[in-house]
């Protein structure tokens, strides 16, 4: 395991309630290193933080670790299954609101 991946796992596992659910995938291509992070849905808020500040801080630290190794490191945080942004939840929310309610909301 590479240092940047070890670092990311250590930081994230230190922040979450379910460290066993943390998965980090590392891919290298011509653009640099892409780290993909998966966490339990209940821990998503801890990783994102208020206004995304925790995620920004993690990304900044990863870039610093990458600079030490002359690599450009990016972080992608995957939306967990059943997360607030999942497509099935959006469809269910749209189905629950009637067309009349939606039109009423649009009126000024």
PDB file of N, CA and C in Angstrom:
ATOM      1  N   UNK A   1       0.856  -1.192   0.000  1.00  0.00           N
ATOM      2  CA  UNK A   1       0.000   0.000   0.000  1.00  0.00           C
ATOM      3  C   UNK A   1       0.894   1.245   0.000  1.00  0.00           C
ATOM      4  N   UNK A   2       0.521   2.211  -0.810  1.00  0.00           N
ATOM      5  CA  UNK A   2       1.291   3.441  -0.929  1.00  0.00           C
ATOM      6  C   UNK A   2       1.063   4.352   0.281  1.00  0.00           C
ATOM      7  N   UNK A   3       1.995   5.261   0.508  1.00  0.00           N
ATOM      8  CA  UNK A   3       1.906   6.163   1.668  1.00  0.00           C
ATOM      9  C   UNK A   3       0.658   7.042   1.652  1.00  0.00           C
ATOM     10  N   UNK A   4       0.303   7.560   0.453  1.00  0.00           N
ATOM     11  CA  UNK A   4      -0.864   8.435   0.389  1.00  0.00           C
ATOM     12  C   UNK A   4      -2.139   7.666   0.733  1.00  0.00           C
ATOM     13  N   UNK A   5      -2.208   6.415   0.323  1.00  0.00           N
ATOM     14  CA  UNK A   5      -3.381   5.591   0.634  1.00  0.00           C
ATOM     15  C   UNK A   5      -3.424   5.261   2.138  1.00  0.00           C
ATOM     16  N   UNK A   6      -2.275   4.921   2.697  1.00  0.00           N
ATOM     17  CA  UNK A   6      -2.198   4.656   4.143  1.00  0.00           C
ATOM     18  C   UNK A   6      -2.617   5.891   4.932  1.00  0.00           C
ATOM     19  N   UNK A   7      -2.129   7.055   4.499  1.00  0.00           N
ATOM     20  CA  UNK A   7      -2.448   8.310   5.175  1.00  0.00           C
ATOM     21  C   UNK A   7      -3.948   8.576   5.153  1.00  0.00           C
ATOM     22  N   UNK A   8      -4.562   8.441   3.959  1.00  0.00           N
ATOM     23  CA  UNK A   8      -5.994   8.687   3.832  1.00  0.00           C
ATOM     24  C   UNK A   8      -6.799   7.727   4.709  1.00  0.00           C
ATOM     25  N   UNK A   9      -6.447   6.455   4.682  1.00  0.00           N
ATOM     26  CA  UNK A   9      -7.163   5.482   5.513  1.00  0.00           C
ATOM     27  C   UNK A   9      -7.035   5.824   6.993  1.00  0.00           C
ATOM     28  N   UNK A  10      -5.833   6.196   7.421  1.00  0.00           N
ATOM     29  CA  UNK A  10      -5.625   6.538   8.831  1.00  0.00           C
ATOM     30  C   UNK A  10      -6.488   7.722   9.250  1.00  0.00           C
ATOM     31  N   UNK A  11      -6.472   8.789   8.442  1.00  0.00           N
ATOM     32  CA  UNK A  11      -7.232   9.994   8.782  1.00  0.00           C
ATOM     33  C   UNK A  11      -8.730   9.690   8.820  1.00  0.00           C
ATOM     34  N   UNK A  12      -9.231   9.042   7.776  1.00  0.00           N
ATOM     35  CA  UNK A  12     -10.669   8.790   7.678  1.00  0.00           C
ATOM     36  C   UNK A  12     -11.130   7.839   8.785  1.00  0.00           C
ATOM     37  N   UNK A  13     -10.377   6.770   9.017  1.00  0.00           N
ATOM     38  CA  UNK A  13     -10.760   5.813  10.069  1.00  0.00           C
ATOM     39  C   UNK A  13     -10.743   6.464  11.447  1.00  0.00           C
ATOM     40  N   UNK A  14      -9.921   7.489  11.616  1.00  0.00           N
ATOM     41  CA  UNK A  14      -9.875   8.219  12.887  1.00  0.00           C
ATOM     42  C   UNK A  14     -11.094   9.106  13.076  1.00  0.00           C
ATOM     43  N   UNK A  15     -11.763   9.474  11.988  1.00  0.00           N
ATOM     44  CA  UNK A  15     -12.904  10.394  12.052  1.00  0.00           C
ATOM     45  C   UNK A  15     -14.262   9.697  12.144  1.00  0.00           C
ATOM     46  N   UNK A  16     -14.369   8.478  11.638  1.00  0.00           N
ATOM     47  CA  UNK A  16     -15.672   7.838  11.480  1.00  0.00           C
ATOM     48  C   UNK A  16     -16.027   6.924  12.658  1.00  0.00           C
ATOM     49  N   UNK A  17     -17.317   6.571  12.734  1.00  0.00           N
ATOM     50  CA  UNK A  17     -17.791   5.632  13.750  1.00  0.00           C
ATOM     51  C   UNK A  17     -17.633   4.180  13.316  1.00  0.00           C
ATOM     52  N   UNK A  18     -17.621   3.951  11.995  1.00  0.00           N
ATOM     53  CA  UNK A  18     -17.491   2.592  11.454  1.00  0.00           C
ATOM     54  C   UNK A  18     -16.221   2.471  10.609  1.00  0.00           C
ATOM     55  N   UNK A  19     -15.055   2.382  11.259  1.00  0.00           N
ATOM     56  CA  UNK A  19     -13.806   2.311  10.492  1.00  0.00           C
ATOM     57  C   UNK A  19     -13.703   1.059   9.611  1.00  0.00           C
ATOM     58  N   UNK A  20     -14.395  -0.006   9.977  1.00  0.00           N
ATOM     59  CA  UNK A  20     -14.319  -1.227   9.166  1.00  0.00           C
ATOM     60  C   UNK A  20     -14.995  -1.054   7.805  1.00  0.00           C
ATOM     61  N   UNK A  21     -15.858  -0.041   7.668  1.00  0.00           N
ATOM     62  CA  UNK A  21     -16.555   0.208   6.399  1.00  0.00           C
ATOM     63  C   UNK A  21     -15.750   1.099   5.452  1.00  0.00           C
ATOM     64  N   UNK A  22     -14.632   1.625   5.912  1.00  0.00           N
ATOM     65  CA  UNK A  22     -13.818   2.525   5.093  1.00  0.00           C
ATOM     66  C   UNK A  22     -13.057   1.720   4.042  1.00  0.00           C
ATOM     67  N   UNK A  23     -13.207   2.148   2.775  1.00  0.00           N
ATOM     68  CA  UNK A  23     -12.483   1.505   1.675  1.00  0.00           C
ATOM     69  C   UNK A  23     -11.850   2.604   0.828  1.00  0.00           C
ATOM     70  N   UNK A  24     -10.586   2.428   0.527  1.00  0.00           N
ATOM     71  CA  UNK A  24      -9.864   3.387  -0.305  1.00  0.00           C
ATOM     72  C   UNK A  24      -9.299   2.645  -1.510  1.00  0.00           C
ATOM     73  N   UNK A  25      -9.596   3.167  -2.683  1.00  0.00           N
ATOM     74  CA  UNK A  25      -9.058   2.604  -3.917  1.00  0.00           C
ATOM     75  C   UNK A  25      -8.122   3.633  -4.518  1.00  0.00           C
ATOM     76  N   UNK A  26      -6.996   3.175  -5.030  1.00  0.00           N
ATOM     77  CA  UNK A  26      -5.978   4.083  -5.590  1.00  0.00           C
ATOM     78  C   UNK A  26      -5.726   3.718  -7.040  1.00  0.00           C
ATOM     79  N   UNK A  27      -5.856   4.704  -7.925  1.00  0.00           N
ATOM     80  CA  UNK A  27      -5.577   4.503  -9.351  1.00  0.00           C
ATOM     81  C   UNK A  27      -4.602   5.567  -9.811  1.00  0.00           C
ATOM     82  N   UNK A  28      -3.677   5.163 -10.652  1.00  0.00           N
ATOM     83  CA  UNK A  28      -2.691   6.088 -11.208  1.00  0.00           C
ATOM     84  C   UNK A  28      -2.881   6.128 -12.720  1.00  0.00           C
ATOM     85  N   UNK A  29      -2.938   7.348 -13.265  1.00  0.00           N
ATOM     86  CA  UNK A  29      -2.987   7.519 -14.714  1.00  0.00           C
ATOM     87  C   UNK A  29      -2.155   8.743 -15.087  1.00  0.00           C
ATOM     88  N   UNK A  30      -2.273   9.196 -16.338  1.00  0.00           N
ATOM     89  CA  UNK A  30      -1.459  10.326 -16.780  1.00  0.00           C
ATOM     90  C   UNK A  30      -1.797  11.629 -16.062  1.00  0.00           C
ATOM     91  N   UNK A  31      -2.986  11.706 -15.453  1.00  0.00           N
ATOM     92  CA  UNK A  31      -3.398  12.908 -14.720  1.00  0.00           C
ATOM     93  C   UNK A  31      -2.855  12.922 -13.291  1.00  0.00           C
ATOM     94  N   UNK A  32      -2.410  11.790 -12.795  1.00  0.00           N
ATOM     95  CA  UNK A  32      -1.905  11.701 -11.433  1.00  0.00           C
ATOM     96  C   UNK A  32      -2.543  10.541 -10.700  1.00  0.00           C
ATOM     97  N   UNK A  33      -2.748  10.726  -9.411  1.00  0.00           N
ATOM     98  CA  UNK A  33      -3.306   9.687  -8.548  1.00  0.00           C
ATOM     99  C   UNK A  33      -4.740  10.059  -8.198  1.00  0.00           C
ATOM    100  N   UNK A  34      -5.646   9.107  -8.358  1.00  0.00           N
ATOM    101  CA  UNK A  34      -7.032   9.309  -7.946  1.00  0.00           C
ATOM    102  C   UNK A  34      -7.329   8.354  -6.804  1.00  0.00           C
ATOM    103  N   UNK A  35      -7.664   8.924  -5.651  1.00  0.00           N
ATOM    104  CA  UNK A  35      -8.054   8.137  -4.482  1.00  0.00           C
ATOM    105  C   UNK A  35      -9.570   8.184  -4.413  1.00  0.00           C
ATOM    106  N   UNK A  36     -10.194   7.017  -4.345  1.00  0.00           N
ATOM    107  CA  UNK A  36     -11.642   6.925  -4.250  1.00  0.00           C
ATOM    108  C   UNK A  36     -11.986   6.386  -2.877  1.00  0.00           C
ATOM    109  N   UNK A  37     -12.842   7.130  -2.165  1.00  0.00           N
ATOM    110  CA  UNK A  37     -13.162   6.809  -0.778  1.00  0.00           C
ATOM    111  C   UNK A  37     -14.611   6.373  -0.639  1.00  0.00           C
ATOM    112  N   UNK A  38     -14.807   5.261   0.065  1.00  0.00           N
ATOM    113  CA  UNK A  38     -16.145   4.784   0.429  1.00  0.00           C
ATOM    114  C   UNK A  38     -16.217   4.702   1.943  1.00  0.00           C
ATOM    115  N   UNK A  39     -17.312   5.230   2.523  1.00  0.00           N
ATOM    116  CA  UNK A  39     -17.546   5.131   3.961  1.00  0.00           C
ATOM    117  C   UNK A  39     -19.004   4.733   4.182  1.00  0.00           C
ATOM    118  N   UNK A  40     -19.327   4.341   5.404  1.00  0.00           N
ATOM    119  CA  UNK A  40     -20.709   4.016   5.751  1.00  0.00           C
ATOM    120  C   UNK A  40     -21.566   5.268   5.605  1.00  0.00           C
ATOM    121  N   UNK A  41     -22.826   5.083   5.226  1.00  0.00           N
ATOM    122  CA  UNK A  41     -23.694   6.238   4.990  1.00  0.00           C
ATOM    123  C   UNK A  41     -23.832   7.122   6.230  1.00  0.00           C
ATOM    124  N   UNK A  42     -23.807   6.535   7.415  1.00  0.00           N
ATOM    125  CA  UNK A  42     -23.912   7.314   8.644  1.00  0.00           C
ATOM    126  C   UNK A  42     -22.691   8.173   8.930  1.00  0.00           C
ATOM    127  N   UNK A  43     -21.579   7.843   8.288  1.00  0.00           N
ATOM    128  CA  UNK A  43     -20.330   8.580   8.513  1.00  0.00           C
ATOM    129  C   UNK A  43     -20.063   9.655   7.458  1.00  0.00           C
ATOM    130  N   UNK A  44     -20.920   9.741   6.470  1.00  0.00           N
ATOM    131  CA  UNK A  44     -20.705  10.682   5.377  1.00  0.00           C
ATOM    132  C   UNK A  44     -20.569  12.121   5.885  1.00  0.00           C
ATOM    133  N   UNK A  45     -21.423  12.518   6.801  1.00  0.00           N
ATOM    134  CA  UNK A  45     -21.387  13.877   7.337  1.00  0.00           C
ATOM    135  C   UNK A  45     -20.087  14.206   8.038  1.00  0.00           C
ATOM    136  N   UNK A  46     -19.505  13.204   8.694  1.00  0.00           N
ATOM    137  CA  UNK A  46     -18.234  13.417   9.400  1.00  0.00           C
ATOM    138  C   UNK A  46     -17.105  13.658   8.407  1.00  0.00           C
ATOM    139  N   UNK A  47     -17.173  13.008   7.261  1.00  0.00           N
ATOM    140  CA  UNK A  47     -16.120  13.145   6.257  1.00  0.00           C
ATOM    141  C   UNK A  47     -16.288  14.434   5.456  1.00  0.00           C
ATOM    142  N   UNK A  48     -17.521  14.796   5.142  1.00  0.00           N
ATOM    143  CA  UNK A  48     -17.773  16.025   4.388  1.00  0.00           C
ATOM    144  C   UNK A  48     -17.572  17.241   5.287  1.00  0.00           C
ATOM    145  N   UNK A  49     -18.153  17.215   6.473  1.00  0.00           N
ATOM    146  CA  UNK A  49     -18.023  18.330   7.408  1.00  0.00           C
ATOM    147  C   UNK A  49     -18.945  19.481   7.057  1.00  0.00           C
ATOM    148  N   UNK A  50     -19.046  20.434   7.955  1.00  0.00           N
ATOM    149  CA  UNK A  50     -19.892  21.601   7.735  1.00  0.00           C
ATOM    150  C   UNK A  50     -19.356  22.406   6.555  1.00  0.00           C
ATOM    151  N   UNK A  51     -20.212  22.667   5.601  1.00  0.00           N
ATOM    152  CA  UNK A  51     -19.867  23.396   4.363  1.00  0.00           C
ATOM    153  C   UNK A  51     -18.738  22.724   3.589  1.00  0.00           C
ATOM    154  N   UNK A  52     -18.545  21.433   3.801  1.00  0.00           N
ATOM    155  CA  UNK A  52     -17.507  20.701   3.080  1.00  0.00           C
ATOM    156  C   UNK A  52     -16.102  20.946   3.588  1.00  0.00           C
ATOM    157  N   UNK A  53     -15.982  21.562   4.759  1.00  0.00           N
ATOM    158  CA  UNK A  53     -14.660  21.947   5.256  1.00  0.00           C
ATOM    159  C   UNK A  53     -13.755  20.767   5.576  1.00  0.00           C
ATOM    160  N   UNK A  54     -14.320  19.684   6.121  1.00  0.00           N
ATOM    161  CA  UNK A  54     -13.487  18.528   6.453  1.00  0.00           C
ATOM    162  C   UNK A  54     -12.960  17.888   5.169  1.00  0.00           C
ATOM    163  N   UNK A  55     -13.828  17.720   4.176  1.00  0.00           N
ATOM    164  CA  UNK A  55     -13.402  17.144   2.898  1.00  0.00           C
ATOM    165  C   UNK A  55     -12.327  18.010   2.250  1.00  0.00           C
ATOM    166  N   UNK A  56     -12.486  19.332   2.302  1.00  0.00           N
ATOM    167  CA  UNK A  56     -11.483  20.243   1.725  1.00  0.00           C
ATOM    168  C   UNK A  56     -10.144  20.069   2.443  1.00  0.00           C
ATOM    169  N   UNK A  57     -10.183  19.953   3.761  1.00  0.00           N
ATOM    170  CA  UNK A  57      -8.947  19.793   4.540  1.00  0.00           C
ATOM    171  C   UNK A  57      -8.257  18.472   4.197  1.00  0.00           C
ATOM    172  N   UNK A  58      -9.034  17.396   4.071  1.00  0.00           N
ATOM    173  CA  UNK A  58      -8.461  16.098   3.705  1.00  0.00           C
ATOM    174  C   UNK A  58      -7.825  16.182   2.324  1.00  0.00           C
ATOM    175  N   UNK A  59      -8.516  16.829   1.379  1.00  0.00           N
ATOM    176  CA  UNK A  59      -7.969  16.972   0.025  1.00  0.00           C
ATOM    177  C   UNK A  59      -6.664  17.779   0.037  1.00  0.00           C
ATOM    178  N   UNK A  60      -6.634  18.839   0.837  1.00  0.00           N
ATOM    179  CA  UNK A  60      -5.422  19.663   0.932  1.00  0.00           C
ATOM    180  C   UNK A  60      -4.263  18.845   1.486  1.00  0.00           C
ATOM    181  N   UNK A  61      -4.519  18.088   2.544  1.00  0.00           N
ATOM    182  CA  UNK A  61      -3.464  17.261   3.132  1.00  0.00           C
ATOM    183  C   UNK A  61      -2.973  16.203   2.147  1.00  0.00           C
ATOM    184  N   UNK A  62      -3.902  15.615   1.383  1.00  0.00           N
ATOM    185  CA  UNK A  62      -3.503  14.619   0.381  1.00  0.00           C
ATOM    186  C   UNK A  62      -2.622  15.248  -0.697  1.00  0.00           C
ATOM    187  N   UNK A  63      -2.935  16.470  -1.086  1.00  0.00           N
ATOM    188  CA  UNK A  63      -2.106  17.149  -2.094  1.00  0.00           C
ATOM    189  C   UNK A  63      -0.690  17.379  -1.560  1.00  0.00           C
ATOM    190  N   UNK A  64      -0.592  17.728  -0.282  1.00  0.00           N
ATOM    191  CA  UNK A  64       0.722  17.942   0.333  1.00  0.00           C
ATOM    192  C   UNK A  64       1.509  16.633   0.355  1.00  0.00           C
ATOM    193  N   UNK A  65       0.845  15.545   0.745  1.00  0.00           N
ATOM    194  CA  UNK A  65       1.496  14.231   0.738  1.00  0.00           C
ATOM    195  C   UNK A  65       1.931  13.886  -0.682  1.00  0.00           C
ATOM    196  N   UNK A  66       1.079  14.179  -1.659  1.00  0.00           N
ATOM    197  CA  UNK A  66       1.416  13.916  -3.052  1.00  0.00           C
ATOM    198  C   UNK A  66       2.599  14.728  -3.525  1.00  0.00           C
ATOM    199  N   UNK A  67       2.661  16.003  -3.121  1.00  0.00           N
ATOM    200  CA  UNK A  67       3.780  16.863  -3.532  1.00  0.00           C
ATOM    201  C   UNK A  67       5.110  16.307  -3.040  1.00  0.00           C
ATOM    202  N   UNK A  68       5.085  15.712  -1.849  1.00  0.00           N
ATOM    203  CA  UNK A  68       6.306  15.104  -1.320  1.00  0.00           C
ATOM    204  C   UNK A  68       6.801  13.993  -2.221  1.00  0.00           C
ATOM    205  N   UNK A  69       5.861  13.338  -2.902  1.00  0.00           N
ATOM    206  CA  UNK A  69       6.203  12.224  -3.787  1.00  0.00           C
ATOM    207  C   UNK A  69       6.110  12.610  -5.261  1.00  0.00           C
ATOM    208  N   UNK A  70       6.098  13.922  -5.543  1.00  0.00           N
ATOM    209  CA  UNK A  70       6.013  14.437  -6.917  1.00  0.00           C
ATOM    210  C   UNK A  70       4.825  13.866  -7.682  1.00  0.00           C
ATOM    211  N   UNK A  71       3.682  13.793  -7.017  1.00  0.00           N
ATOM    212  CA  UNK A  71       2.472  13.277  -7.657  1.00  0.00           C
ATOM    213  C   UNK A  71       1.308  14.209  -7.368  1.00  0.00           C
ATOM    214  N   UNK A  72       0.407  14.314  -8.329  1.00  0.00           N
ATOM    215  CA  UNK A  72      -0.816  15.084  -8.138  1.00  0.00           C
ATOM    216  C   UNK A  72      -1.873  14.111  -7.628  1.00  0.00           C
ATOM    217  N   UNK A  73      -2.395  14.369  -6.414  1.00  0.00           N
ATOM    218  CA  UNK A  73      -3.352  13.459  -5.785  1.00  0.00           C
ATOM    219  C   UNK A  73      -4.714  14.134  -5.695  1.00  0.00           C
ATOM    220  N   UNK A  74      -5.736  13.443  -6.184  1.00  0.00           N
ATOM    221  CA  UNK A  74      -7.114  13.911  -6.093  1.00  0.00           C
ATOM    222  C   UNK A  74      -7.931  12.905  -5.311  1.00  0.00           C
ATOM    223  N   UNK A  75      -8.981  13.402  -4.647  1.00  0.00           N
ATOM    224  CA  UNK A  75      -9.848  12.552  -3.839  1.00  0.00           C
ATOM    225  C   UNK A  75     -11.271  12.624  -4.352  1.00  0.00           C
ATOM    226  N   UNK A  76     -11.856  11.462  -4.582  1.00  0.00           N
ATOM    227  CA  UNK A  76     -13.270  11.349  -4.935  1.00  0.00           C
ATOM    228  C   UNK A  76     -13.955  10.615  -3.794  1.00  0.00           C
ATOM    229  N   UNK A  77     -15.025  11.214  -3.258  1.00  0.00           N
ATOM    230  CA  UNK A  77     -15.778  10.594  -2.179  1.00  0.00           C
ATOM    231  C   UNK A  77     -17.068  10.043  -2.773  1.00  0.00           C
ATOM    232  N   UNK A  78     -17.205   8.721  -2.757  1.00  0.00           N
ATOM    233  CA  UNK A  78     -18.391   8.086  -3.325  1.00  0.00           C
ATOM    234  C   UNK A  78     -19.593   8.253  -2.408  1.00  0.00           C
ATOM    235  N   UNK A  79     -20.747   8.494  -3.014  1.00  0.00           N
ATOM    236  CA  UNK A  79     -22.011   8.554  -2.276  1.00  0.00           C
ATOM    237  C   UNK A  79     -22.371   7.130  -1.867  1.00  0.00           C
ATOM    238  N   UNK A  80     -22.616   6.881  -0.569  1.00  0.00           N
ATOM    239  CA  UNK A  80     -22.938   5.516  -0.142  1.00  0.00           C
ATOM    240  C   UNK A  80     -24.317   5.075  -0.614  1.00  0.00           C
ATOM    241  N   UNK A  81     -24.500   3.753  -0.693  1.00  0.00           N
ATOM    242  CA  UNK A  81     -25.808   3.194  -1.025  1.00  0.00           C
ATOM    243  C   UNK A  81     -26.824   3.735  -0.035  1.00  0.00           C
ATOM    244  N   UNK A  82     -27.965   4.165  -0.539  1.00  0.00           N
ATOM    245  CA  UNK A  82     -29.001   4.692   0.349  1.00  0.00           C
ATOM    246  C   UNK A  82     -28.693   6.073   0.864  1.00  0.00           C
ATOM    247  N   UNK A  83     -27.692   6.721   0.264  1.00  0.00           N
ATOM    248  CA  UNK A  83     -27.333   8.069   0.683  1.00  0.00           C
ATOM    249  C   UNK A  83     -28.393   9.073   0.284  1.00  0.00           C
ATOM    250  N   UNK A  84     -28.278  10.284   0.804  1.00  0.00           N
ATOM    251  CA  UNK A  84     -29.290  11.311   0.560  1.00  0.00           C
ATOM    252  C   UNK A  84     -29.377  11.697  -0.904  1.00  0.00           C
ATOM    253  N   UNK A  85     -28.304  11.526  -1.668  1.00  0.00           N
ATOM    254  CA  UNK A  85     -28.308  11.947  -3.059  1.00  0.00           C
ATOM    255  C   UNK A  85     -28.558  10.804  -4.030  1.00  0.00           C
ATOM    256  N   UNK A  86     -28.811   9.591  -3.523  1.00  0.00           N
ATOM    257  CA  UNK A  86     -28.976   8.472  -4.446  1.00  0.00           C
ATOM    258  C   UNK A  86     -30.188   8.689  -5.343  1.00  0.00           C
ATOM    259  N   UNK A  87     -30.096   8.169  -6.549  1.00  0.00           N
ATOM    260  CA  UNK A  87     -31.137   8.395  -7.559  1.00  0.00           C
ATOM    261  C   UNK A  87     -32.485   7.857  -7.103  1.00  0.00           C
ATOM    262  N   UNK A  88     -32.489   6.710  -6.428  1.00  0.00           N
ATOM    263  CA  UNK A  88     -33.769   6.136  -6.007  1.00  0.00           C
ATOM    264  C   UNK A  88     -34.465   7.041  -4.993  1.00  0.00           C
ATOM    265  N   UNK A  89     -33.702   7.671  -4.112  1.00  0.00           N
ATOM    266  CA  UNK A  89     -34.314   8.596  -3.155  1.00  0.00           C
ATOM    267  C   UNK A  89     -34.884   9.814  -3.854  1.00  0.00           C
ATOM    268  N   UNK A  90     -34.199  10.303  -4.900  1.00  0.00           N
ATOM    269  CA  UNK A  90     -34.687  11.465  -5.636  1.00  0.00           C
ATOM    270  C   UNK A  90     -35.980  11.128  -6.362  1.00  0.00           C
ATOM    271  N   UNK A  91     -36.041   9.929  -6.937  1.00  0.00           N
ATOM    272  CA  UNK A  91     -37.250   9.512  -7.640  1.00  0.00           C
ATOM    273  C   UNK A  91     -38.400   9.377  -6.661  1.00  0.00           C
ATOM    274  N   UNK A  92     -38.129   8.766  -5.508  1.00  0.00           N
ATOM    275  CA  UNK A  92     -39.183   8.611  -4.504  1.00  0.00           C
ATOM    276  C   UNK A  92     -39.686   9.968  -4.038  1.00  0.00           C
ATOM    277  N   UNK A  93     -38.797  10.913  -3.848  1.00  0.00           N
ATOM    278  CA  UNK A  93     -39.202  12.248  -3.405  1.00  0.00           C
ATOM    279  C   UNK A  93     -40.048  12.922  -4.483  1.00  0.00           C
ATOM    280  N   UNK A  94     -39.653  12.748  -5.740  1.00  0.00           N
ATOM    281  CA  UNK A  94     -40.409  13.358  -6.826  1.00  0.00           C
ATOM    282  C   UNK A  94     -41.786  12.716  -6.947  1.00  0.00           C
ATOM    283  N   UNK A  95     -41.863  11.396  -6.759  1.00  0.00           N
ATOM    284  CA  UNK A  95     -43.145  10.707  -6.853  1.00  0.00           C
ATOM    285  C   UNK A  95     -44.095  11.121  -5.739  1.00  0.00           C
ATOM    286  N   UNK A  96     -43.569  11.442  -4.576  1.00  0.00           N
ATOM    287  CA  UNK A  96     -44.434  11.750  -3.441  1.00  0.00           C
ATOM    288  C   UNK A  96     -45.082  13.134  -3.559  1.00  0.00           C
ATOM    289  N   UNK A  97     -44.485  14.020  -4.338  1.00  0.00           N
ATOM    290  CA  UNK A  97     -45.059  15.355  -4.511  1.00  0.00           C
ATOM    291  C   UNK A  97     -45.944  15.341  -5.754  1.00  0.00           C
ATOM    292  N   UNK A  98     -47.148  15.791  -5.614  1.00  0.00           N
ATOM    293  CA  UNK A  98     -48.046  15.816  -6.770  1.00  0.00           C
ATOM    294  C   UNK A  98     -47.705  16.996  -7.673  1.00  0.00           C
ATOM    295  N   UNK A  99     -48.178  16.930  -8.895  1.00  0.00           N
ATOM    296  CA  UNK A  99     -47.944  18.014  -9.855  1.00  0.00           C
ATOM    297  C   UNK A  99     -48.557  19.313  -9.345  1.00  0.00           C
ATOM    298  N   UNK A 100     -49.752  19.215  -8.751  1.00  0.00           N
ATOM    299  CA  UNK A 100     -50.416  20.415  -8.217  1.00  0.00           C
ATOM    300  C   UNK A 100     -49.564  21.083  -7.132  1.00  0.00           C
ATOM    301  N   UNK A 101     -49.001  20.270  -6.238  1.00  0.00           N
ATOM    302  CA  UNK A 101     -48.145  20.819  -5.177  1.00  0.00           C
ATOM    303  C   UNK A 101     -46.925  21.494  -5.778  1.00  0.00           C
ATOM    304  N   UNK A 102     -46.333  20.870  -6.787  1.00  0.00           N
ATOM    305  CA  UNK A 102     -45.151  21.448  -7.422  1.00  0.00           C
ATOM    306  C   UNK A 102     -45.478  22.778  -8.077  1.00  0.00           C
ATOM    307  N   UNK A 103     -46.626  22.838  -8.768  1.00  0.00           N
ATOM    308  CA  UNK A 103     -47.027  24.091  -9.395  1.00  0.00           C
ATOM    309  C   UNK A 103     -47.314  25.166  -8.349  1.00  0.00           C
ATOM    310  N   UNK A 104     -47.905  24.778  -7.243  1.00  0.00           N
ATOM    311  CA  UNK A 104     -48.193  25.719  -6.157  1.00  0.00           C
ATOM    312  C   UNK A 104     -46.884  26.299  -5.602  1.00  0.00           C
ATOM    313  N   UNK A 105     -45.869  25.454  -5.479  1.00  0.00           N
ATOM    314  CA  UNK A 105     -44.580  25.911  -4.979  1.00  0.00           C
ATOM    315  C   UNK A 105     -43.941  26.932  -5.918  1.00  0.00           C
ATOM    316  N   UNK A 106     -44.206  26.819  -7.205  1.00  0.00           N
ATOM    317  CA  UNK A 106     -43.613  27.717  -8.194  1.00  0.00           C
ATOM    318  C   UNK A 106     -44.275  29.086  -8.233  1.00  0.00           C
ATOM    319  N   UNK A 107     -45.517  29.176  -7.743  1.00  0.00           N
ATOM    320  CA  UNK A 107     -46.222  30.459  -7.773  1.00  0.00           C
ATOM    321  C   UNK A 107     -45.584  31.436  -6.785  1.00  0.00           C
ATOM    322  N   UNK A 108     -45.547  32.694  -7.194  1.00  0.00           N
ATOM    323  CA  UNK A 108     -44.905  33.698  -6.334  1.00  0.00           C
ATOM    324  C   UNK A 108     -45.911  34.419  -5.518  1.00  0.00           C
TER     325      UNK A 108
END
